[in-house]
């Protein structure tokens, strides 16, 4: 008699290998496209020095400690909503009045934002003059520090522009003070 079939075949089955070629071709096409369409972020760090001298209480009292000649002579660029000044603890000089400028934020040709701007060429001239005058009058002191004193409403772009202009003139160690308008006015020595 014949044996009953057990349901198993006597042929050896081979498992088929996974074909990765189409997947690799896909990646070879996608990766260059993704690299070309990627935007890389460049971050610039501005080293800021420590500052003193303006209280944030809004009472208008300044805490100028005048510990040394260098601290007393440290220049400041003062930016308010209406004007820009440069000076030291001994006094300030007017640089520029602000003006309103129309800006196109969407690159669609329509001026849709009005921003406050300043005459930056005037600031560049005054900062260079201040650095020259201070360096000639006090050759024993290396003037590299400057304070940018602003009110809360000052645009970031204006602060960075003032820092860049000061760095070109030789003040490459900027400090930043943000204070209420009353404190900034008292730092200028004029009640507002």
Protein backbone atom coordinates (compact mmCIF):
# COMPACT_ATOMS: atom_id res chain seq x y z
CA UNK A 1 0.00 0.00 0.00
CA UNK A 2 0.93 3.51 -0.60
CA UNK A 3 1.63 5.96 2.10
CA UNK A 4 -0.73 8.87 2.60
CA UNK A 5 0.59 12.31 1.69
CA UNK A 6 1.74 14.24 4.69
CA UNK A 7 1.14 17.62 3.08
CA UNK A 8 4.78 18.43 2.95
CA UNK A 9 6.54 18.63 -0.30
CA UNK A 10 9.99 17.40 -0.59
CA UNK A 11 11.17 20.45 -2.54
CA UNK A 12 13.44 22.91 -0.75
CA UNK A 13 11.98 26.35 -0.69
CA UNK A 14 14.31 29.36 -0.85
CA UNK A 15 13.27 32.62 0.71
CA UNK A 16 13.54 35.46 -1.75
CA UNK A 17 15.94 38.31 -0.83
CA UNK A 18 14.60 41.77 -0.22
CA UNK A 19 15.38 44.00 -3.19
CA UNK A 20 16.71 47.30 -1.79
CA UNK A 21 17.63 48.80 -5.17
CA UNK A 22 14.37 50.78 -5.68
CA UNK A 23 14.61 52.23 -2.15
CA UNK A 24 18.25 53.23 -2.65
CA UNK A 25 17.37 54.85 -5.98
CA UNK A 26 14.65 56.83 -4.24
CA UNK A 27 17.06 58.06 -1.56
CA UNK A 28 19.65 58.97 -4.18
CA UNK A 29 17.07 61.23 -5.81
CA UNK A 30 15.58 62.73 -2.64
CA UNK A 31 18.72 63.55 -0.63
CA UNK A 32 20.26 66.02 -3.14
CA UNK A 33 16.88 67.70 -3.54
CA UNK A 34 16.50 68.09 0.23
CA UNK A 35 20.04 69.46 0.59
CA UNK A 36 19.46 72.00 -2.15
CA UNK A 37 16.16 73.15 -0.69
CA UNK A 38 17.43 73.36 2.90
CA UNK A 39 18.24 76.74 4.38
CA UNK A 40 21.11 76.83 6.79
CA UNK A 41 20.95 79.16 9.76
CA UNK A 42 23.93 81.31 10.61
CA UNK A 43 23.96 82.62 14.15
CA UNK A 44 26.12 85.58 15.09
CA UNK A 45 26.98 86.12 18.72
CA UNK A 46 27.71 89.63 19.93
CA UNK A 47 29.80 89.75 23.08
CA UNK A 48 28.30 92.31 25.44
CA UNK A 49 30.07 93.87 28.39
CA UNK A 50 28.46 94.45 31.76
CA UNK A 51 26.95 97.89 32.30
CA UNK A 52 25.93 100.08 35.19
CA UNK A 53 24.45 103.47 35.67
CA UNK A 54 20.70 103.54 35.00
CA UNK A 55 18.03 102.51 37.44
CA UNK A 56 15.01 100.72 36.06
CA UNK A 57 12.68 102.09 38.71
CA UNK A 58 11.53 104.92 36.47
CA UNK A 59 12.19 107.56 39.13
CA UNK A 60 14.92 109.09 36.99
CA UNK A 61 17.73 108.55 39.48
CA UNK A 62 20.97 107.34 37.96
CA UNK A 63 23.50 105.31 39.85
CA UNK A 64 26.68 106.60 38.25
CA UNK A 65 29.37 105.37 40.57
CA UNK A 66 32.30 107.09 38.82
CA UNK A 67 34.75 104.63 40.29
CA UNK A 68 37.51 105.54 37.89
CA UNK A 69 38.36 107.94 35.11
CA UNK A 70 37.63 105.27 32.53
CA UNK A 71 34.13 104.68 33.91
CA UNK A 72 33.45 108.42 33.90
CA UNK A 73 34.60 108.76 30.31
CA UNK A 74 32.83 105.67 28.94
CA UNK A 75 30.76 106.85 25.98
CA UNK A 76 27.07 106.10 25.53
CA UNK A 77 24.82 106.07 22.51
CA UNK A 78 21.39 107.06 23.76
CA UNK A 79 18.42 106.10 21.58
CA UNK A 80 14.94 107.36 22.44
CA UNK A 81 11.72 107.37 20.42
CA UNK A 82 12.42 110.85 19.03
CA UNK A 83 16.19 111.40 19.10
CA UNK A 84 19.63 109.86 19.28
CA UNK A 85 22.54 111.23 21.31
CA UNK A 86 26.14 110.34 22.03
CA UNK A 87 28.01 111.38 25.13
CA UNK A 88 29.68 110.56 28.40
CA UNK A 89 28.80 111.27 32.01
CA UNK A 90 30.09 114.81 31.40
CA UNK A 91 27.42 115.56 28.79
CA UNK A 92 25.71 114.53 25.57
CA UNK A 93 25.64 115.74 21.98
CA UNK A 94 22.62 115.48 19.71
CA UNK A 95 23.17 113.13 16.74
CA UNK A 96 19.89 112.72 14.88
CA UNK A 97 16.14 113.06 15.08
CA UNK A 98 14.06 110.01 14.27
CA UNK A 99 11.92 109.80 11.17
CA UNK A 100 9.15 107.46 10.07
CA UNK A 101 9.93 105.15 7.18
CA UNK A 102 7.58 102.91 5.21
CA UNK A 103 8.70 99.27 4.92
CA UNK A 104 7.51 96.40 2.76
CA UNK A 105 7.52 93.32 5.02
CA UNK A 106 6.03 90.84 2.54
CA UNK A 107 8.12 91.71 -0.55
CA UNK A 108 4.91 92.27 -2.46
CA UNK A 109 5.63 95.90 -3.34
CA UNK A 110 3.10 97.28 -0.86
CA UNK A 111 4.50 99.42 1.96
CA UNK A 112 2.54 98.05 4.89
CA UNK A 113 4.62 98.91 7.97
CA UNK A 114 5.79 102.25 9.31
CA UNK A 115 8.98 102.08 11.40
CA UNK A 116 11.13 104.58 13.24
CA UNK A 117 14.59 105.07 11.76
CA UNK A 118 17.56 107.39 12.26
CA UNK A 119 20.27 109.02 10.12
CA UNK A 120 23.00 106.43 10.68
CA UNK A 121 25.68 108.36 8.77
CA UNK A 122 25.45 111.12 11.39
CA UNK A 123 25.97 108.56 14.15
CA UNK A 124 28.98 107.06 12.36
CA UNK A 125 30.59 110.52 12.09
CA UNK A 126 29.90 111.42 15.73
CA UNK A 127 31.12 108.05 17.08
CA UNK A 128 34.37 108.33 15.10
CA UNK A 129 34.84 111.90 16.39
CA UNK A 130 34.17 110.79 19.97
CA UNK A 131 36.68 107.92 19.72
CA UNK A 132 39.32 110.24 18.25
CA UNK A 133 38.76 112.98 20.84
CA UNK A 134 38.81 110.57 23.79
CA UNK A 135 41.88 108.70 22.52
CA UNK A 136 43.83 111.92 21.96
CA UNK A 137 42.81 113.49 25.27
CA UNK A 138 43.48 110.35 27.33
CA UNK A 139 46.19 108.29 25.56
CA UNK A 140 46.74 106.14 28.67
CA UNK A 141 43.21 104.69 28.35
CA UNK A 142 42.21 102.29 25.58
CA UNK A 143 38.64 103.13 24.69
CA UNK A 144 36.90 99.95 23.54
CA UNK A 145 33.71 99.93 25.64
CA UNK A 146 30.52 101.76 24.73
CA UNK A 147 27.00 101.53 26.16
CA UNK A 148 23.89 101.54 24.02
CA UNK A 149 21.22 103.08 26.27
CA UNK A 150 17.69 102.64 24.90
CA UNK A 151 14.06 102.68 25.88
CA UNK A 152 11.87 99.58 25.74
CA UNK A 153 10.25 100.55 22.43
CA UNK A 154 13.51 100.69 20.45
CA UNK A 155 13.60 98.27 17.53
CA UNK A 156 16.16 95.45 17.60
CA UNK A 157 17.39 96.49 14.15
CA UNK A 158 18.27 99.97 15.45
CA UNK A 159 20.23 98.58 18.40
CA UNK A 160 22.24 96.23 16.17
CA UNK A 161 22.93 99.05 13.68
CA UNK A 162 24.26 101.26 16.51
CA UNK A 163 26.47 98.40 17.79
CA UNK A 164 27.87 97.81 14.29
CA UNK A 165 28.64 101.50 13.75
CA UNK A 166 30.37 101.71 17.15
CA UNK A 167 32.47 98.62 16.35
CA UNK A 168 33.68 100.15 13.09
CA UNK A 169 34.78 103.28 15.00
CA UNK A 170 36.80 101.21 17.50
CA UNK A 171 34.31 100.57 20.29
CA UNK A 172 34.20 96.78 19.93
CA UNK A 173 32.96 95.95 23.45
CA UNK A 174 29.33 97.10 23.49
CA UNK A 175 27.05 97.07 26.48
CA UNK A 176 23.28 97.37 26.40
CA UNK A 177 20.98 99.10 28.88
CA UNK A 178 17.23 99.14 28.39
CA UNK A 179 15.40 101.46 30.73
CA UNK A 180 12.14 103.40 31.05
CA UNK A 181 11.96 106.75 29.23
CA UNK A 182 12.27 108.73 32.48
CA UNK A 183 15.54 107.00 33.38
CA UNK A 184 16.96 107.55 29.91
CA UNK A 185 16.01 111.23 30.06
CA UNK A 186 17.74 111.62 33.43
CA UNK A 187 20.86 109.88 32.10
CA UNK A 188 21.01 112.56 29.42
CA UNK A 189 20.82 115.20 32.11
CA UNK A 190 17.64 116.79 30.76
CA UNK A 191 14.22 116.44 32.38
CA UNK A 192 11.50 115.34 29.99
